[in-house]
């Protein structure tokens, strides 16, 4: 699940017009979790874990990618 969530964050970053490190979750967590094949609680736990590890900053629906390389590693399955 972390790899799928990281991939989604990279997808959002790629479609952001400003190209900055911040992305806005464009769908509710319950929809996102269903899209990722999970449950909202797991999405929240993974986001929290990424935040504790210093990879992202979370402020409501706004997520700032602080360590792009680590998020890319998550997306490729290097970190689980």
PDB file of N, CA and C in Angstrom:
ATOM      1  N   UNK A   1       0.808  -1.201   0.000  1.00  0.00           N
ATOM      2  CA  UNK A   1       0.000   0.000   0.000  1.00  0.00           C
ATOM      3  C   UNK A   1       0.857   1.274   0.000  1.00  0.00           C
ATOM      4  N   UNK A   2       1.978   1.328   0.736  1.00  0.00           N
ATOM      5  CA  UNK A   2       2.803   2.538   0.678  1.00  0.00           C
ATOM      6  C   UNK A   2       3.269   2.860  -0.744  1.00  0.00           C
ATOM      7  N   UNK A   3       3.594   1.840  -1.517  1.00  0.00           N
ATOM      8  CA  UNK A   3       4.057   2.079  -2.888  1.00  0.00           C
ATOM      9  C   UNK A   3       2.949   2.688  -3.734  1.00  0.00           C
ATOM     10  N   UNK A   4       1.730   2.193  -3.576  1.00  0.00           N
ATOM     11  CA  UNK A   4       0.613   2.736  -4.360  1.00  0.00           C
ATOM     12  C   UNK A   4       0.315   4.174  -3.959  1.00  0.00           C
ATOM     13  N   UNK A   5       0.379   4.465  -2.658  1.00  0.00           N
ATOM     14  CA  UNK A   5       0.128   5.830  -2.194  1.00  0.00           C
ATOM     15  C   UNK A   5       1.236   6.771  -2.671  1.00  0.00           C
ATOM     16  N   UNK A   6       2.472   6.342  -2.584  1.00  0.00           N
ATOM     17  CA  UNK A   6       3.585   7.163  -3.056  1.00  0.00           C
ATOM     18  C   UNK A   6       3.453   7.428  -4.557  1.00  0.00           C
ATOM     19  N   UNK A   7       3.056   6.424  -5.305  1.00  0.00           N
ATOM     20  CA  UNK A   7       2.847   6.607  -6.743  1.00  0.00           C
ATOM     21  C   UNK A   7       1.756   7.628  -7.014  1.00  0.00           C
ATOM     22  N   UNK A   8       0.706   7.596  -6.209  1.00  0.00           N
ATOM     23  CA  UNK A   8      -0.380   8.564  -6.381  1.00  0.00           C
ATOM     24  C   UNK A   8       0.114   9.984  -6.070  1.00  0.00           C
ATOM     25  N   UNK A   9       0.916  10.132  -5.030  1.00  0.00           N
ATOM     26  CA  UNK A   9       1.474  11.448  -4.707  1.00  0.00           C
ATOM     27  C   UNK A   9       2.354  11.957  -5.845  1.00  0.00           C
ATOM     28  N   UNK A  10       3.139  11.079  -6.436  1.00  0.00           N
ATOM     29  CA  UNK A  10       3.974  11.473  -7.574  1.00  0.00           C
ATOM     30  C   UNK A  10       3.114  11.844  -8.778  1.00  0.00           C
ATOM     31  N   UNK A  11       2.018  11.114  -8.963  1.00  0.00           N
ATOM     32  CA  UNK A  11       1.084  11.441 -10.036  1.00  0.00           C
ATOM     33  C   UNK A  11       0.523  12.856  -9.840  1.00  0.00           C
ATOM     34  N   UNK A  12       0.090  13.157  -8.601  1.00  0.00           N
ATOM     35  CA  UNK A  12      -0.444  14.490  -8.316  1.00  0.00           C
ATOM     36  C   UNK A  12       0.622  15.556  -8.535  1.00  0.00           C
ATOM     37  N   UNK A  13       1.836  15.261  -8.113  1.00  0.00           N
ATOM     38  CA  UNK A  13       2.932  16.221  -8.297  1.00  0.00           C
ATOM     39  C   UNK A  13       3.162  16.470  -9.779  1.00  0.00           C
ATOM     40  N   UNK A  14       3.094  15.431 -10.574  1.00  0.00           N
ATOM     41  CA  UNK A  14       3.319  15.551 -12.005  1.00  0.00           C
ATOM     42  C   UNK A  14       2.266  16.376 -12.717  1.00  0.00           C
ATOM     43  N   UNK A  15       1.045  16.350 -12.207  1.00  0.00           N
ATOM     44  CA  UNK A  15      -0.011  17.109 -12.879  1.00  0.00           C
ATOM     45  C   UNK A  15      -0.214  18.502 -12.278  1.00  0.00           C
ATOM     46  N   UNK A  16       0.525  18.830 -11.219  1.00  0.00           N
ATOM     47  CA  UNK A  16       0.427  20.157 -10.613  1.00  0.00           C
ATOM     48  C   UNK A  16       0.999  21.199 -11.566  1.00  0.00           C
ATOM     49  N   UNK A  17       0.296  22.284 -11.704  1.00  0.00           N
ATOM     50  CA  UNK A  17       0.693  23.333 -12.650  1.00  0.00           C
ATOM     51  C   UNK A  17       1.965  24.062 -12.215  1.00  0.00           C
ATOM     52  N   UNK A  18       2.139  24.223 -10.907  1.00  0.00           N
ATOM     53  CA  UNK A  18       3.270  25.029 -10.440  1.00  0.00           C
ATOM     54  C   UNK A  18       4.584  24.261 -10.349  1.00  0.00           C
ATOM     55  N   UNK A  19       4.530  22.935 -10.377  1.00  0.00           N
ATOM     56  CA  UNK A  19       5.745  22.131 -10.309  1.00  0.00           C
ATOM     57  C   UNK A  19       6.423  22.139  -8.958  1.00  0.00           C
ATOM     58  N   UNK A  20       5.781  22.743  -7.953  1.00  0.00           N
ATOM     59  CA  UNK A  20       6.350  22.811  -6.617  1.00  0.00           C
ATOM     60  C   UNK A  20       6.209  21.505  -5.866  1.00  0.00           C
ATOM     61  N   UNK A  21       6.699  21.472  -4.634  1.00  0.00           N
ATOM     62  CA  UNK A  21       6.672  20.236  -3.854  1.00  0.00           C
ATOM     63  C   UNK A  21       5.313  19.925  -3.232  1.00  0.00           C
ATOM     64  N   UNK A  22       4.393  20.884  -3.263  1.00  0.00           N
ATOM     65  CA  UNK A  22       3.100  20.671  -2.633  1.00  0.00           C
ATOM     66  C   UNK A  22       2.075  20.116  -3.592  1.00  0.00           C
ATOM     67  N   UNK A  23       1.255  19.194  -3.077  1.00  0.00           N
ATOM     68  CA  UNK A  23       0.142  18.650  -3.846  1.00  0.00           C
ATOM     69  C   UNK A  23      -1.114  18.731  -2.987  1.00  0.00           C
ATOM     70  N   UNK A  24      -2.237  18.761  -3.638  1.00  0.00           N
ATOM     71  CA  UNK A  24      -3.529  18.807  -2.955  1.00  0.00           C
ATOM     72  C   UNK A  24      -4.251  17.500  -3.248  1.00  0.00           C
ATOM     73  N   UNK A  25      -4.647  16.781  -2.185  1.00  0.00           N
ATOM     74  CA  UNK A  25      -5.435  15.573  -2.418  1.00  0.00           C
ATOM     75  C   UNK A  25      -6.732  16.000  -3.091  1.00  0.00           C
ATOM     76  N   UNK A  26      -6.965  15.490  -4.274  1.00  0.00           N
ATOM     77  CA  UNK A  26      -8.100  15.929  -5.073  1.00  0.00           C
ATOM     78  C   UNK A  26      -9.356  15.094  -4.869  1.00  0.00           C
ATOM     79  N   UNK A  27      -9.248  14.053  -4.048  1.00  0.00           N
ATOM     80  CA  UNK A  27     -10.405  13.215  -3.731  1.00  0.00           C
ATOM     81  C   UNK A  27     -10.386  12.911  -2.237  1.00  0.00           C
ATOM     82  N   UNK A  28     -11.560  12.620  -1.652  1.00  0.00           N
ATOM     83  CA  UNK A  28     -11.594  12.285  -0.218  1.00  0.00           C
ATOM     84  C   UNK A  28     -10.792  11.006   0.076  1.00  0.00           C
ATOM     85  N   UNK A  29     -10.319  10.885   1.310  1.00  0.00           N
ATOM     86  CA  UNK A  29      -9.507   9.724   1.690  1.00  0.00           C
ATOM     87  C   UNK A  29     -10.252   8.408   1.499  1.00  0.00           C
ATOM     88  N   UNK A  30     -11.564   8.398   1.714  1.00  0.00           N
ATOM     89  CA  UNK A  30     -12.288   7.133   1.538  1.00  0.00           C
ATOM     90  C   UNK A  30     -12.298   6.716   0.062  1.00  0.00           C
ATOM     91  N   UNK A  31     -12.390   7.672  -0.845  1.00  0.00           N
ATOM     92  CA  UNK A  31     -12.337   7.365  -2.272  1.00  0.00           C
ATOM     93  C   UNK A  31     -10.912   6.966  -2.660  1.00  0.00           C
ATOM     94  N   UNK A  32      -9.933   7.711  -2.140  1.00  0.00           N
ATOM     95  CA  UNK A  32      -8.530   7.391  -2.413  1.00  0.00           C
ATOM     96  C   UNK A  32      -8.197   5.983  -1.927  1.00  0.00           C
ATOM     97  N   UNK A  33      -8.641   5.651  -0.736  1.00  0.00           N
ATOM     98  CA  UNK A  33      -8.339   4.325  -0.196  1.00  0.00           C
ATOM     99  C   UNK A  33      -8.967   3.228  -1.054  1.00  0.00           C
ATOM    100  N   UNK A  34     -10.187   3.436  -1.529  1.00  0.00           N
ATOM    101  CA  UNK A  34     -10.822   2.451  -2.404  1.00  0.00           C
ATOM    102  C   UNK A  34     -10.053   2.332  -3.716  1.00  0.00           C
ATOM    103  N   UNK A  35      -9.605   3.455  -4.245  1.00  0.00           N
ATOM    104  CA  UNK A  35      -8.819   3.466  -5.474  1.00  0.00           C
ATOM    105  C   UNK A  35      -7.517   2.687  -5.297  1.00  0.00           C
ATOM    106  N   UNK A  36      -6.928   2.798  -4.112  1.00  0.00           N
ATOM    107  CA  UNK A  36      -5.655   2.132  -3.827  1.00  0.00           C
ATOM    108  C   UNK A  36      -5.833   0.713  -3.308  1.00  0.00           C
ATOM    109  N   UNK A  37      -7.084   0.265  -3.157  1.00  0.00           N
ATOM    110  CA  UNK A  37      -7.349  -1.084  -2.671  1.00  0.00           C
ATOM    111  C   UNK A  37      -7.096  -1.234  -1.186  1.00  0.00           C
ATOM    112  N   UNK A  38      -7.481  -0.217  -0.423  1.00  0.00           N
ATOM    113  CA  UNK A  38      -7.213  -0.214   1.008  1.00  0.00           C
ATOM    114  C   UNK A  38      -8.410   0.384   1.747  1.00  0.00           C
ATOM    115  N   UNK A  39      -8.182   0.778   2.984  1.00  0.00           N
ATOM    116  CA  UNK A  39      -9.204   1.433   3.797  1.00  0.00           C
ATOM    117  C   UNK A  39      -8.653   2.779   4.265  1.00  0.00           C
ATOM    118  N   UNK A  40      -9.539   3.742   4.581  1.00  0.00           N
ATOM    119  CA  UNK A  40      -9.078   5.076   4.972  1.00  0.00           C
ATOM    120  C   UNK A  40      -8.084   5.078   6.127  1.00  0.00           C
ATOM    121  N   UNK A  41      -8.256   4.193   7.083  1.00  0.00           N
ATOM    122  CA  UNK A  41      -7.357   4.151   8.237  1.00  0.00           C
ATOM    123  C   UNK A  41      -5.934   3.811   7.816  1.00  0.00           C
ATOM    124  N   UNK A  42      -5.798   2.916   6.851  1.00  0.00           N
ATOM    125  CA  UNK A  42      -4.465   2.544   6.373  1.00  0.00           C
ATOM    126  C   UNK A  42      -3.823   3.700   5.617  1.00  0.00           C
ATOM    127  N   UNK A  43      -4.606   4.398   4.803  1.00  0.00           N
ATOM    128  CA  UNK A  43      -4.078   5.570   4.096  1.00  0.00           C
ATOM    129  C   UNK A  43      -3.567   6.584   5.116  1.00  0.00           C
ATOM    130  N   UNK A  44      -4.350   6.838   6.148  1.00  0.00           N
ATOM    131  CA  UNK A  44      -3.939   7.784   7.190  1.00  0.00           C
ATOM    132  C   UNK A  44      -2.668   7.321   7.895  1.00  0.00           C
ATOM    133  N   UNK A  45      -2.590   6.028   8.211  1.00  0.00           N
ATOM    134  CA  UNK A  45      -1.393   5.493   8.887  1.00  0.00           C
ATOM    135  C   UNK A  45      -0.147   5.643   8.017  1.00  0.00           C
ATOM    136  N   UNK A  46      -0.281   5.348   6.735  1.00  0.00           N
ATOM    137  CA  UNK A  46       0.875   5.450   5.835  1.00  0.00           C
ATOM    138  C   UNK A  46       1.289   6.913   5.678  1.00  0.00           C
ATOM    139  N   UNK A  47       0.327   7.812   5.529  1.00  0.00           N
ATOM    140  CA  UNK A  47       0.646   9.239   5.452  1.00  0.00           C
ATOM    141  C   UNK A  47       1.341   9.695   6.729  1.00  0.00           C
ATOM    142  N   UNK A  48       0.821   9.257   7.881  1.00  0.00           N
ATOM    143  CA  UNK A  48       1.444   9.621   9.157  1.00  0.00           C
ATOM    144  C   UNK A  48       2.866   9.079   9.258  1.00  0.00           C
ATOM    145  N   UNK A  49       3.066   7.833   8.828  1.00  0.00           N
ATOM    146  CA  UNK A  49       4.402   7.239   8.883  1.00  0.00           C
ATOM    147  C   UNK A  49       5.369   8.012   7.983  1.00  0.00           C
ATOM    148  N   UNK A  50       4.913   8.372   6.788  1.00  0.00           N
ATOM    149  CA  UNK A  50       5.757   9.154   5.886  1.00  0.00           C
ATOM    150  C   UNK A  50       6.084  10.522   6.490  1.00  0.00           C
ATOM    151  N   UNK A  51       5.111  11.101   7.194  1.00  0.00           N
ATOM    152  CA  UNK A  51       5.340  12.400   7.842  1.00  0.00           C
ATOM    153  C   UNK A  51       6.342  12.268   8.983  1.00  0.00           C
ATOM    154  N   UNK A  52       6.206  11.235   9.802  1.00  0.00           N
ATOM    155  CA  UNK A  52       7.133  11.006  10.917  1.00  0.00           C
ATOM    156  C   UNK A  52       8.544  10.772  10.394  1.00  0.00           C
ATOM    157  N   UNK A  53       8.655  10.098   9.259  1.00  0.00           N
ATOM    158  CA  UNK A  53       9.969   9.835   8.659  1.00  0.00           C
ATOM    159  C   UNK A  53      10.550  11.076   7.985  1.00  0.00           C
ATOM    160  N   UNK A  54       9.768  12.159   7.934  1.00  0.00           N
ATOM    161  CA  UNK A  54      10.250  13.400   7.335  1.00  0.00           C
ATOM    162  C   UNK A  54      10.179  13.428   5.820  1.00  0.00           C
ATOM    163  N   UNK A  55       9.393  12.529   5.236  1.00  0.00           N
ATOM    164  CA  UNK A  55       9.293  12.467   3.784  1.00  0.00           C
ATOM    165  C   UNK A  55       8.272  13.442   3.230  1.00  0.00           C
ATOM    166  N   UNK A  56       7.231  13.693   4.014  1.00  0.00           N
ATOM    167  CA  UNK A  56       6.157  14.598   3.599  1.00  0.00           C
ATOM    168  C   UNK A  56       5.735  15.455   4.777  1.00  0.00           C
ATOM    169  N   UNK A  57       5.086  16.544   4.460  1.00  0.00           N
ATOM    170  CA  UNK A  57       4.406  17.357   5.455  1.00  0.00           C
ATOM    171  C   UNK A  57       2.924  17.288   5.132  1.00  0.00           C
ATOM    172  N   UNK A  58       2.088  17.128   6.131  1.00  0.00           N
ATOM    173  CA  UNK A  58       0.648  17.016   5.907  1.00  0.00           C
ATOM    174  C   UNK A  58      -0.049  18.134   6.650  1.00  0.00           C
ATOM    175  N   UNK A  59      -0.852  18.869   5.919  1.00  0.00           N
ATOM    176  CA  UNK A  59      -1.654  19.941   6.500  1.00  0.00           C
ATOM    177  C   UNK A  59      -3.031  19.878   5.848  1.00  0.00           C
ATOM    178  N   UNK A  60      -3.921  19.118   6.488  1.00  0.00           N
ATOM    179  CA  UNK A  60      -5.246  18.903   5.894  1.00  0.00           C
ATOM    180  C   UNK A  60      -5.108  18.102   4.615  1.00  0.00           C
ATOM    181  N   UNK A  61      -5.661  18.631   3.523  1.00  0.00           N
ATOM    182  CA  UNK A  61      -5.592  17.958   2.229  1.00  0.00           C
ATOM    183  C   UNK A  61      -4.314  18.309   1.462  1.00  0.00           C
ATOM    184  N   UNK A  62      -3.528  19.218   2.013  1.00  0.00           N
ATOM    185  CA  UNK A  62      -2.286  19.674   1.367  1.00  0.00           C
ATOM    186  C   UNK A  62      -1.122  18.817   1.849  1.00  0.00           C
ATOM    187  N   UNK A  63      -0.401  18.234   0.909  1.00  0.00           N
ATOM    188  CA  UNK A  63       0.756  17.407   1.238  1.00  0.00           C
ATOM    189  C   UNK A  63       1.969  18.009   0.538  1.00  0.00           C
ATOM    190  N   UNK A  64       3.013  18.258   1.322  1.00  0.00           N
ATOM    191  CA  UNK A  64       4.254  18.777   0.774  1.00  0.00           C
ATOM    192  C   UNK A  64       5.270  17.649   0.746  1.00  0.00           C
ATOM    193  N   UNK A  65       5.806  17.375  -0.418  1.00  0.00           N
ATOM    194  CA  UNK A  65       6.820  16.336  -0.556  1.00  0.00           C
ATOM    195  C   UNK A  65       8.164  16.944  -0.156  1.00  0.00           C
ATOM    196  N   UNK A  66       8.696  16.463   0.954  1.00  0.00           N
ATOM    197  CA  UNK A  66       9.945  16.986   1.502  1.00  0.00           C
ATOM    198  C   UNK A  66      11.167  16.213   1.012  1.00  0.00           C
ATOM    199  N   UNK A  67      10.979  14.938   0.702  1.00  0.00           N
ATOM    200  CA  UNK A  67      12.084  14.089   0.244  1.00  0.00           C
ATOM    201  C   UNK A  67      11.612  13.322  -0.986  1.00  0.00           C
ATOM    202  N   UNK A  68      11.783  13.945  -2.134  1.00  0.00           N
ATOM    203  CA  UNK A  68      11.300  13.367  -3.390  1.00  0.00           C
ATOM    204  C   UNK A  68      11.924  12.010  -3.668  1.00  0.00           C
ATOM    205  N   UNK A  69      13.220  11.880  -3.438  1.00  0.00           N
ATOM    206  CA  UNK A  69      13.920  10.605  -3.687  1.00  0.00           C
ATOM    207  C   UNK A  69      13.309   9.481  -2.865  1.00  0.00           C
ATOM    208  N   UNK A  70      13.011   9.740  -1.598  1.00  0.00           N
ATOM    209  CA  UNK A  70      12.423   8.710  -0.743  1.00  0.00           C
ATOM    210  C   UNK A  70      11.017   8.336  -1.207  1.00  0.00           C
ATOM    211  N   UNK A  71      10.239   9.315  -1.657  1.00  0.00           N
ATOM    212  CA  UNK A  71       8.896   9.020  -2.173  1.00  0.00           C
ATOM    213  C   UNK A  71       9.006   8.189  -3.449  1.00  0.00           C
ATOM    214  N   UNK A  72       9.977   8.522  -4.289  1.00  0.00           N
ATOM    215  CA  UNK A  72      10.207   7.718  -5.490  1.00  0.00           C
ATOM    216  C   UNK A  72      10.618   6.295  -5.119  1.00  0.00           C
ATOM    217  N   UNK A  73      11.428   6.152  -4.059  1.00  0.00           N
ATOM    218  CA  UNK A  73      11.810   4.815  -3.584  1.00  0.00           C
ATOM    219  C   UNK A  73      10.591   4.046  -3.102  1.00  0.00           C
ATOM    220  N   UNK A  74       9.726   4.699  -2.336  1.00  0.00           N
ATOM    221  CA  UNK A  74       8.484   4.062  -1.902  1.00  0.00           C
ATOM    222  C   UNK A  74       7.697   3.594  -3.111  1.00  0.00           C
ATOM    223  N   UNK A  75       7.551   4.472  -4.116  1.00  0.00           N
ATOM    224  CA  UNK A  75       6.741   4.154  -5.296  1.00  0.00           C
ATOM    225  C   UNK A  75       7.300   2.962  -6.061  1.00  0.00           C
ATOM    226  N   UNK A  76       8.616   2.833  -6.055  1.00  0.00           N
ATOM    227  CA  UNK A  76       9.230   1.710  -6.770  1.00  0.00           C
ATOM    228  C   UNK A  76       9.295   0.439  -5.917  1.00  0.00           C
ATOM    229  N   UNK A  77       8.850   0.545  -4.671  1.00  0.00           N
ATOM    230  CA  UNK A  77       8.840  -0.619  -3.791  1.00  0.00           C
ATOM    231  C   UNK A  77      10.119  -0.831  -3.030  1.00  0.00           C
ATOM    232  N   UNK A  78      11.046   0.116  -3.105  1.00  0.00           N
ATOM    233  CA  UNK A  78      12.308  -0.013  -2.377  1.00  0.00           C
ATOM    234  C   UNK A  78      12.064   0.020  -0.883  1.00  0.00           C
ATOM    235  N   UNK A  79      11.149   0.915  -0.423  1.00  0.00           N
ATOM    236  CA  UNK A  79      10.796   1.001   0.996  1.00  0.00           C
ATOM    237  C   UNK A  79       9.407   0.429   1.171  1.00  0.00           C
ATOM    238  N   UNK A  80       9.237  -0.414   2.163  1.00  0.00           N
ATOM    239  CA  UNK A  80       7.906  -0.974   2.427  1.00  0.00           C
ATOM    240  C   UNK A  80       7.575  -0.868   3.881  1.00  0.00           C
TER     241      UNK A  80
END
